[in-house]
Amino acid sequence: TPANVTALTLVGCLISFILPPKEAVLAFIVYLLLGAV
């Protein structure tokens, strides 16, 4: 498959359990924007 197995899943869960929902979504959007640029 073109997909990779990453540690992002673990860190994503950590972010979800630490941050409130708005901040968690915003953190992932900023991450995607960093990669997009």
ModelCIF file with pLDDT and N, C-alpha, C, O atoms, coordinates in Angstrom:
data_MODEL
#
_entry.id   MODEL 
#
_entity.id                         1 
_entity.type                       polymer 
_entity.pdbx_number_of_molecules   1 
#
_entity_poly.entity_id                      1 
_entity_poly.type                           'polypeptide(L)' 
_entity_poly.nstd_linkage                   no 
_entity_poly.nstd_monomer                   no 
_entity_poly.pdbx_seq_one_letter_code       TPANVTALTLVGCLISFILPPKEAVLAFIVYLLLGAV 
_entity_poly.pdbx_seq_one_letter_code_can   TPANVTALTLVGCLISFILPPKEAVLAFIVYLLLGAV 
_entity_poly.pdbx_strand_id                 A 
#
loop_
_entity_poly_seq.entity_id 
_entity_poly_seq.num 
_entity_poly_seq.mon_id 
_entity_poly_seq.hetero 
1 1  THR n 
1 2  PRO n 
1 3  ALA n 
1 4  ASN n 
1 5  VAL n 
1 6  THR n 
1 7  ALA n 
1 8  LEU n 
1 9  THR n 
1 10 LEU n 
1 11 VAL n 
1 12 GLY n 
1 13 CYS n 
1 14 LEU n 
1 15 ILE n 
1 16 SER n 
1 17 PHE n 
1 18 ILE n 
1 19 LEU n 
1 20 PRO n 
1 21 PRO n 
1 22 LYS n 
1 23 GLU n 
1 24 ALA n 
1 25 VAL n 
1 26 LEU n 
1 27 ALA n 
1 28 PHE n 
1 29 ILE n 
1 30 VAL n 
1 31 TYR n 
1 32 LEU n 
1 33 LEU n 
1 34 LEU n 
1 35 GLY n 
1 36 ALA n 
1 37 VAL n 
#
_struct_asym.id          A 
_struct_asym.entity_id   1 
#
loop_
_ma_qa_metric.id 
_ma_qa_metric.mode 
_ma_qa_metric.name 
_ma_qa_metric.software_group_id 
_ma_qa_metric.type 
1 global pLDDT . pLDDT 
2 local  pLDDT . pLDDT 
#
_ma_qa_metric_global.metric_id      1 
_ma_qa_metric_global.metric_value   93.54 
_ma_qa_metric_global.model_id       1 
_ma_qa_metric_global.ordinal_id     1 
#
loop_
_ma_qa_metric_local.label_asym_id 
_ma_qa_metric_local.label_comp_id 
_ma_qa_metric_local.label_seq_id 
_ma_qa_metric_local.metric_id 
_ma_qa_metric_local.metric_value 
_ma_qa_metric_local.model_id 
_ma_qa_metric_local.ordinal_id 
A THR 1  2 85.00 1 1  
A PRO 2  2 86.00 1 2  
A ALA 3  2 86.00 1 3  
A ASN 4  2 88.00 1 4  
A VAL 5  2 90.00 1 5  
A THR 6  2 91.00 1 6  
A ALA 7  2 93.00 1 7  
A LEU 8  2 92.00 1 8  
A THR 9  2 91.00 1 9  
A LEU 10 2 93.00 1 10 
A VAL 11 2 95.00 1 11 
A GLY 12 2 94.00 1 12 
A CYS 13 2 94.00 1 13 
A LEU 14 2 93.00 1 14 
A ILE 15 2 95.00 1 15 
A SER 16 2 94.00 1 16 
A PHE 17 2 93.00 1 17 
A ILE 18 2 93.00 1 18 
A LEU 19 2 94.00 1 19 
A PRO 20 2 94.00 1 20 
A PRO 21 2 94.00 1 21 
A LYS 22 2 95.00 1 22 
A GLU 23 2 95.00 1 23 
A ALA 24 2 96.00 1 24 
A VAL 25 2 96.00 1 25 
A LEU 26 2 96.00 1 26 
A ALA 27 2 96.00 1 27 
A PHE 28 2 96.00 1 28 
A ILE 29 2 97.00 1 29 
A VAL 30 2 97.00 1 30 
A TYR 31 2 96.00 1 31 
A LEU 32 2 96.00 1 32 
A LEU 33 2 96.00 1 33 
A LEU 34 2 96.00 1 34 
A GLY 35 2 95.00 1 35 
A ALA 36 2 95.00 1 36 
A VAL 37 2 95.00 1 37 
#
loop_
_atom_site.group_PDB 
_atom_site.id 
_atom_site.type_symbol 
_atom_site.label_atom_id 
_atom_site.label_alt_id 
_atom_site.label_comp_id 
_atom_site.label_asym_id 
_atom_site.label_entity_id 
_atom_site.label_seq_id 
_atom_site.pdbx_PDB_ins_code 
_atom_site.Cartn_x 
_atom_site.Cartn_y 
_atom_site.Cartn_z 
_atom_site.occupancy 
_atom_site.B_iso_or_equiv 
_atom_site.pdbx_formal_charge 
_atom_site.auth_seq_id 
_atom_site.auth_comp_id 
_atom_site.auth_asym_id 
_atom_site.auth_atom_id 
_atom_site.pdbx_PDB_model_num 
ATOM 1   N N  . THR A 1 1  ? 0.843   -1.189 0.000  1.00 85.00 ? 1  THR A N  1 
ATOM 2   C CA . THR A 1 1  ? 0.000   0.000  0.000  1.00 85.00 ? 1  THR A CA 1 
ATOM 3   C C  . THR A 1 1  ? 0.886   1.249  0.000  1.00 85.00 ? 1  THR A C  1 
ATOM 4   O O  . THR A 1 1  ? 2.034   1.191  0.439  1.00 85.00 ? 1  THR A O  1 
ATOM 5   N N  . PRO A 1 2  ? 0.363   2.370  -0.487 1.00 86.00 ? 2  PRO A N  1 
ATOM 6   C CA . PRO A 1 2  ? 1.163   3.596  -0.431 1.00 86.00 ? 2  PRO A CA 1 
ATOM 7   C C  . PRO A 1 2  ? 1.230   4.227  0.959  1.00 86.00 ? 2  PRO A C  1 
ATOM 8   O O  . PRO A 1 2  ? 2.015   5.149  1.179  1.00 86.00 ? 2  PRO A O  1 
ATOM 9   N N  . ALA A 1 3  ? 0.423   3.747  1.890  1.00 86.00 ? 3  ALA A N  1 
ATOM 10  C CA . ALA A 1 3  ? 0.399   4.304  3.244  1.00 86.00 ? 3  ALA A CA 1 
ATOM 11  C C  . ALA A 1 3  ? 1.532   3.730  4.086  1.00 86.00 ? 3  ALA A C  1 
ATOM 12  O O  . ALA A 1 3  ? 2.003   2.619  3.845  1.00 86.00 ? 3  ALA A O  1 
ATOM 13  N N  . ASN A 1 4  ? 1.955   4.501  5.068  1.00 88.00 ? 4  ASN A N  1 
ATOM 14  C CA . ASN A 1 4  ? 3.006   4.074  5.993  1.00 88.00 ? 4  ASN A CA 1 
ATOM 15  C C  . ASN A 1 4  ? 2.409   3.861  7.376  1.00 88.00 ? 4  ASN A C  1 
ATOM 16  O O  . ASN A 1 4  ? 1.385   4.452  7.720  1.00 88.00 ? 4  ASN A O  1 
ATOM 17  N N  . VAL A 1 5  ? 3.051   3.020  8.156  1.00 90.00 ? 5  VAL A N  1 
ATOM 18  C CA . VAL A 1 5  ? 2.707   2.876  9.562  1.00 90.00 ? 5  VAL A CA 1 
ATOM 19  C C  . VAL A 1 5  ? 3.553   3.892  10.314 1.00 90.00 ? 5  VAL A C  1 
ATOM 20  O O  . VAL A 1 5  ? 4.780   3.868  10.221 1.00 90.00 ? 5  VAL A O  1 
ATOM 21  N N  . THR A 1 6  ? 2.909   4.781  11.055 1.00 91.00 ? 6  THR A N  1 
ATOM 22  C CA . THR A 1 6  ? 3.640   5.851  11.733 1.00 91.00 ? 6  THR A CA 1 
ATOM 23  C C  . THR A 1 6  ? 3.270   5.901  13.205 1.00 91.00 ? 6  THR A C  1 
ATOM 24  O O  . THR A 1 6  ? 2.328   5.247  13.654 1.00 91.00 ? 6  THR A O  1 
ATOM 25  N N  . ALA A 1 7  ? 4.032   6.690  13.939 1.00 93.00 ? 7  ALA A N  1 
ATOM 26  C CA . ALA A 1 7  ? 3.736   6.934  15.348 1.00 93.00 ? 7  ALA A CA 1 
ATOM 27  C C  . ALA A 1 7  ? 2.744   8.097  15.508 1.00 93.00 ? 7  ALA A C  1 
ATOM 28  O O  . ALA A 1 7  ? 2.452   8.514  16.628 1.00 93.00 ? 7  ALA A O  1 
ATOM 29  N N  . LEU A 1 8  ? 2.237   8.608  14.404 1.00 92.00 ? 8  LEU A N  1 
ATOM 30  C CA . LEU A 1 8  ? 1.285   9.718  14.461 1.00 92.00 ? 8  LEU A CA 1 
ATOM 31  C C  . LEU A 1 8  ? -0.006  9.335  15.188 1.00 92.00 ? 8  LEU A C  1 
ATOM 32  O O  . LEU A 1 8  ? -0.628  10.177 15.836 1.00 92.00 ? 8  LEU A O  1 
ATOM 33  N N  . THR A 1 9  ? -0.400  8.093  15.083 1.00 91.00 ? 9  THR A N  1 
ATOM 34  C CA . THR A 1 9  ? -1.623  7.650  15.745 1.00 91.00 ? 9  THR A CA 1 
ATOM 35  C C  . THR A 1 9  ? -1.511  7.807  17.256 1.00 91.00 ? 9  THR A C  1 
ATOM 36  O O  . THR A 1 9  ? -2.434  8.295  17.908 1.00 91.00 ? 9  THR A O  1 
ATOM 37  N N  . LEU A 1 10 ? -0.398  7.397  17.795 1.00 93.00 ? 10 LEU A N  1 
ATOM 38  C CA . LEU A 1 10 ? -0.176  7.509  19.238 1.00 93.00 ? 10 LEU A CA 1 
ATOM 39  C C  . LEU A 1 10 ? -0.155  8.971  19.675 1.00 93.00 ? 10 LEU A C  1 
ATOM 40  O O  . LEU A 1 10 ? -0.781  9.333  20.671 1.00 93.00 ? 10 LEU A O  1 
ATOM 41  N N  . VAL A 1 11 ? 0.557   9.801  18.940 1.00 95.00 ? 11 VAL A N  1 
ATOM 42  C CA . VAL A 1 11 ? 0.653   11.220 19.289 1.00 95.00 ? 11 VAL A CA 1 
ATOM 43  C C  . VAL A 1 11 ? -0.692  11.917 19.064 1.00 95.00 ? 11 VAL A C  1 
ATOM 44  O O  . VAL A 1 11 ? -1.054  12.823 19.815 1.00 95.00 ? 11 VAL A O  1 
ATOM 45  N N  . GLY A 1 12 ? -1.431  11.499 18.034 1.00 94.00 ? 12 GLY A N  1 
ATOM 46  C CA . GLY A 1 12 ? -2.769  12.060 17.809 1.00 94.00 ? 12 GLY A CA 1 
ATOM 47  C C  . GLY A 1 12 ? -3.693  11.792 18.982 1.00 94.00 ? 12 GLY A C  1 
ATOM 48  O O  . GLY A 1 12 ? -4.441  12.677 19.397 1.00 94.00 ? 12 GLY A O  1 
ATOM 49  N N  . CYS A 1 13 ? -3.649  10.587 19.517 1.00 94.00 ? 13 CYS A N  1 
ATOM 50  C CA . CYS A 1 13 ? -4.460  10.277 20.699 1.00 94.00 ? 13 CYS A CA 1 
ATOM 51  C C  . CYS A 1 13 ? -3.999  11.091 21.901 1.00 94.00 ? 13 CYS A C  1 
ATOM 52  O O  . CYS A 1 13 ? -4.822  11.571 22.681 1.00 94.00 ? 13 CYS A O  1 
ATOM 53  N N  . LEU A 1 14 ? -2.705  11.247 22.050 1.00 93.00 ? 14 LEU A N  1 
ATOM 54  C CA . LEU A 1 14 ? -2.174  12.066 23.148 1.00 93.00 ? 14 LEU A CA 1 
ATOM 55  C C  . LEU A 1 14 ? -2.681  13.498 23.040 1.00 93.00 ? 14 LEU A C  1 
ATOM 56  O O  . LEU A 1 14 ? -3.098  14.087 24.037 1.00 93.00 ? 14 LEU A O  1 
ATOM 57  N N  . ILE A 1 15 ? -2.647  14.055 21.843 1.00 95.00 ? 15 ILE A N  1 
ATOM 58  C CA . ILE A 1 15 ? -3.141  15.416 21.639 1.00 95.00 ? 15 ILE A CA 1 
ATOM 59  C C  . ILE A 1 15 ? -4.624  15.502 21.972 1.00 95.00 ? 15 ILE A C  1 
ATOM 60  O O  . ILE A 1 15 ? -5.063  16.461 22.607 1.00 95.00 ? 15 ILE A O  1 
ATOM 61  N N  . SER A 1 16 ? -5.393  14.511 21.551 1.00 94.00 ? 16 SER A N  1 
ATOM 62  C CA . SER A 1 16 ? -6.834  14.521 21.820 1.00 94.00 ? 16 SER A CA 1 
ATOM 63  C C  . SER A 1 16 ? -7.148  14.453 23.303 1.00 94.00 ? 16 SER A C  1 
ATOM 64  O O  . SER A 1 16 ? -8.127  15.043 23.761 1.00 94.00 ? 16 SER A O  1 
ATOM 65  N N  . PHE A 1 17 ? -6.327  13.739 24.051 1.00 93.00 ? 17 PHE A N  1 
ATOM 66  C CA . PHE A 1 17 ? -6.595  13.603 25.479 1.00 93.00 ? 17 PHE A CA 1 
ATOM 67  C C  . PHE A 1 17 ? -6.061  14.777 26.291 1.00 93.00 ? 17 PHE A C  1 
ATOM 68  O O  . PHE A 1 17 ? -6.501  14.993 27.420 1.00 93.00 ? 17 PHE A O  1 
ATOM 69  N N  . ILE A 1 18 ? -5.117  15.541 25.734 1.00 93.00 ? 18 ILE A N  1 
ATOM 70  C CA . ILE A 1 18 ? -4.574  16.686 26.451 1.00 93.00 ? 18 ILE A CA 1 
ATOM 71  C C  . ILE A 1 18 ? -5.335  17.968 26.138 1.00 93.00 ? 18 ILE A C  1 
ATOM 72  O O  . ILE A 1 18 ? -5.653  18.743 27.039 1.00 93.00 ? 18 ILE A O  1 
ATOM 73  N N  . LEU A 1 19 ? -5.626  18.190 24.856 1.00 94.00 ? 19 LEU A N  1 
ATOM 74  C CA . LEU A 1 19 ? -6.225  19.449 24.434 1.00 94.00 ? 19 LEU A CA 1 
ATOM 75  C C  . LEU A 1 19 ? -7.752  19.371 24.375 1.00 94.00 ? 19 LEU A C  1 
ATOM 76  O O  . LEU A 1 19 ? -8.311  18.294 24.171 1.00 94.00 ? 19 LEU A O  1 
ATOM 77  N N  . PRO A 1 20 ? -8.421  20.501 24.552 1.00 94.00 ? 20 PRO A N  1 
ATOM 78  C CA . PRO A 1 20 ? -9.864  20.531 24.299 1.00 94.00 ? 20 PRO A CA 1 
ATOM 79  C C  . PRO A 1 20 ? -10.127 20.389 22.800 1.00 94.00 ? 20 PRO A C  1 
ATOM 80  O O  . PRO A 1 20 ? -9.214  20.564 21.993 1.00 94.00 ? 20 PRO A O  1 
ATOM 81  N N  . PRO A 1 21 ? -11.374 20.072 22.421 1.00 94.00 ? 21 PRO A N  1 
ATOM 82  C CA . PRO A 1 21 ? -11.670 19.764 21.009 1.00 94.00 ? 21 PRO A CA 1 
ATOM 83  C C  . PRO A 1 21 ? -11.249 20.837 20.010 1.00 94.00 ? 21 PRO A C  1 
ATOM 84  O O  . PRO A 1 21 ? -10.649 20.507 18.986 1.00 94.00 ? 21 PRO A O  1 
ATOM 85  N N  . LYS A 1 22 ? -11.540 22.102 20.271 1.00 95.00 ? 22 LYS A N  1 
ATOM 86  C CA . LYS A 1 22 ? -11.180 23.154 19.314 1.00 95.00 ? 22 LYS A CA 1 
ATOM 87  C C  . LYS A 1 22 ? -9.672  23.221 19.105 1.00 95.00 ? 22 LYS A C  1 
ATOM 88  O O  . LYS A 1 22 ? -9.201  23.340 17.973 1.00 95.00 ? 22 LYS A O  1 
ATOM 89  N N  . GLU A 1 23 ? -8.925  23.145 20.186 1.00 95.00 ? 23 GLU A N  1 
ATOM 90  C CA . GLU A 1 23 ? -7.473  23.226 20.084 1.00 95.00 ? 23 GLU A CA 1 
ATOM 91  C C  . GLU A 1 23 ? -6.887  21.986 19.417 1.00 95.00 ? 23 GLU A C  1 
ATOM 92  O O  . GLU A 1 23 ? -5.897  22.085 18.692 1.00 95.00 ? 23 GLU A O  1 
ATOM 93  N N  . ALA A 1 24 ? -7.485  20.820 19.653 1.00 96.00 ? 24 ALA A N  1 
ATOM 94  C CA . ALA A 1 24 ? -6.999  19.594 19.016 1.00 96.00 ? 24 ALA A CA 1 
ATOM 95  C C  . ALA A 1 24 ? -7.185  19.679 17.503 1.00 96.00 ? 24 ALA A C  1 
ATOM 96  O O  . ALA A 1 24 ? -6.273  19.345 16.745 1.00 96.00 ? 24 ALA A O  1 
ATOM 97  N N  . VAL A 1 25 ? -8.354  20.121 17.064 1.00 96.00 ? 25 VAL A N  1 
ATOM 98  C CA . VAL A 1 25 ? -8.609  20.261 15.630 1.00 96.00 ? 25 VAL A CA 1 
ATOM 99  C C  . VAL A 1 25 ? -7.660  21.294 15.036 1.00 96.00 ? 25 VAL A C  1 
ATOM 100 O O  . VAL A 1 25 ? -7.098  21.081 13.962 1.00 96.00 ? 25 VAL A O  1 
ATOM 101 N N  . LEU A 1 26 ? -7.485  22.398 15.726 1.00 96.00 ? 26 LEU A N  1 
ATOM 102 C CA . LEU A 1 26 ? -6.597  23.450 15.240 1.00 96.00 ? 26 LEU A CA 1 
ATOM 103 C C  . LEU A 1 26 ? -5.151  22.962 15.146 1.00 96.00 ? 26 LEU A C  1 
ATOM 104 O O  . LEU A 1 26 ? -4.437  23.323 14.211 1.00 96.00 ? 26 LEU A O  1 
ATOM 105 N N  . ALA A 1 27 ? -4.721  22.155 16.094 1.00 96.00 ? 27 ALA A N  1 
ATOM 106 C CA . ALA A 1 27 ? -3.357  21.619 16.057 1.00 96.00 ? 27 ALA A CA 1 
ATOM 107 C C  . ALA A 1 27 ? -3.146  20.754 14.819 1.00 96.00 ? 27 ALA A C  1 
ATOM 108 O O  . ALA A 1 27 ? -2.097  20.838 14.180 1.00 96.00 ? 27 ALA A O  1 
ATOM 109 N N  . PHE A 1 28 ? -4.121  19.931 14.477 1.00 96.00 ? 28 PHE A N  1 
ATOM 110 C CA . PHE A 1 28 ? -3.988  19.090 13.289 1.00 96.00 ? 28 PHE A CA 1 
ATOM 111 C C  . PHE A 1 28 ? -4.069  19.913 12.008 1.00 96.00 ? 28 PHE A C  1 
ATOM 112 O O  . PHE A 1 28 ? -3.386  19.600 11.033 1.00 96.00 ? 28 PHE A O  1 
ATOM 113 N N  . ILE A 1 29 ? -4.880  20.944 11.994 1.00 97.00 ? 29 ILE A N  1 
ATOM 114 C CA . ILE A 1 29 ? -4.958  21.807 10.813 1.00 97.00 ? 29 ILE A CA 1 
ATOM 115 C C  . ILE A 1 29 ? -3.633  22.537 10.608 1.00 97.00 ? 29 ILE A C  1 
ATOM 116 O O  . ILE A 1 29 ? -3.162  22.655 9.477  1.00 97.00 ? 29 ILE A O  1 
ATOM 117 N N  . VAL A 1 30 ? -3.029  23.026 11.684 1.00 97.00 ? 30 VAL A N  1 
ATOM 118 C CA . VAL A 1 30 ? -1.726  23.686 11.568 1.00 97.00 ? 30 VAL A CA 1 
ATOM 119 C C  . VAL A 1 30 ? -0.677  22.694 11.078 1.00 97.00 ? 30 VAL A C  1 
ATOM 120 O O  . VAL A 1 30 ? 0.170   23.049 10.258 1.00 97.00 ? 30 VAL A O  1 
ATOM 121 N N  . TYR A 1 31 ? -0.722  21.468 11.563 1.00 96.00 ? 31 TYR A N  1 
ATOM 122 C CA . TYR A 1 31 ? 0.222   20.436 11.103 1.00 96.00 ? 31 TYR A CA 1 
ATOM 123 C C  . TYR A 1 31 ? 0.064   20.203 9.602  1.00 96.00 ? 31 TYR A C  1 
ATOM 124 O O  . TYR A 1 31 ? 1.057   20.117 8.878  1.00 96.00 ? 31 TYR A O  1 
ATOM 125 N N  . LEU A 1 32 ? -1.182  20.102 9.132  1.00 96.00 ? 32 LEU A N  1 
ATOM 126 C CA . LEU A 1 32 ? -1.417  19.897 7.704  1.00 96.00 ? 32 LEU A CA 1 
ATOM 127 C C  . LEU A 1 32 ? -0.960  21.103 6.885  1.00 96.00 ? 32 LEU A C  1 
ATOM 128 O O  . LEU A 1 32 ? -0.427  20.943 5.786  1.00 96.00 ? 32 LEU A O  1 
ATOM 129 N N  . LEU A 1 33 ? -1.165  22.294 7.410  1.00 96.00 ? 33 LEU A N  1 
ATOM 130 C CA . LEU A 1 33 ? -0.714  23.494 6.708  1.00 96.00 ? 33 LEU A CA 1 
ATOM 131 C C  . LEU A 1 33 ? 0.809   23.563 6.640  1.00 96.00 ? 33 LEU A C  1 
ATOM 132 O O  . LEU A 1 33 ? 1.364   23.991 5.629  1.00 96.00 ? 33 LEU A O  1 
ATOM 133 N N  . LEU A 1 34 ? 1.483   23.148 7.702  1.00 96.00 ? 34 LEU A N  1 
ATOM 134 C CA . LEU A 1 34 ? 2.950   23.111 7.686  1.00 96.00 ? 34 LEU A CA 1 
ATOM 135 C C  . LEU A 1 34 ? 3.456   22.191 6.574  1.00 96.00 ? 34 LEU A C  1 
ATOM 136 O O  . LEU A 1 34 ? 4.403   22.524 5.860  1.00 96.00 ? 34 LEU A O  1 
ATOM 137 N N  . GLY A 1 35 ? 2.824   21.052 6.439  1.00 95.00 ? 35 GLY A N  1 
ATOM 138 C CA . GLY A 1 35 ? 3.209   20.127 5.373  1.00 95.00 ? 35 GLY A CA 1 
ATOM 139 C C  . GLY A 1 35 ? 2.827   20.638 3.998  1.00 95.00 ? 35 GLY A C  1 
ATOM 140 O O  . GLY A 1 35 ? 3.549   20.409 3.028  1.00 95.00 ? 35 GLY A O  1 
ATOM 141 N N  . ALA A 1 36 ? 1.697   21.330 3.903  1.00 95.00 ? 36 ALA A N  1 
ATOM 142 C CA . ALA A 1 36 ? 1.236   21.827 2.612  1.00 95.00 ? 36 ALA A CA 1 
ATOM 143 C C  . ALA A 1 36 ? 2.160   22.907 2.048  1.00 95.00 ? 36 ALA A C  1 
ATOM 144 O O  . ALA A 1 36 ? 2.338   22.993 0.833  1.00 95.00 ? 36 ALA A O  1 
ATOM 145 N N  . VAL A 1 37 ? 2.745   23.725 2.912  1.00 95.00 ? 37 VAL A N  1 
ATOM 146 C CA . VAL A 1 37 ? 3.626   24.785 2.427  1.00 95.00 ? 37 VAL A CA 1 
ATOM 147 C C  . VAL A 1 37 ? 5.032   24.281 2.112  1.00 95.00 ? 37 VAL A C  1 
ATOM 148 O O  . VAL A 1 37 ? 5.888   25.061 1.693  1.00 95.00 ? 37 VAL A O  1 
#
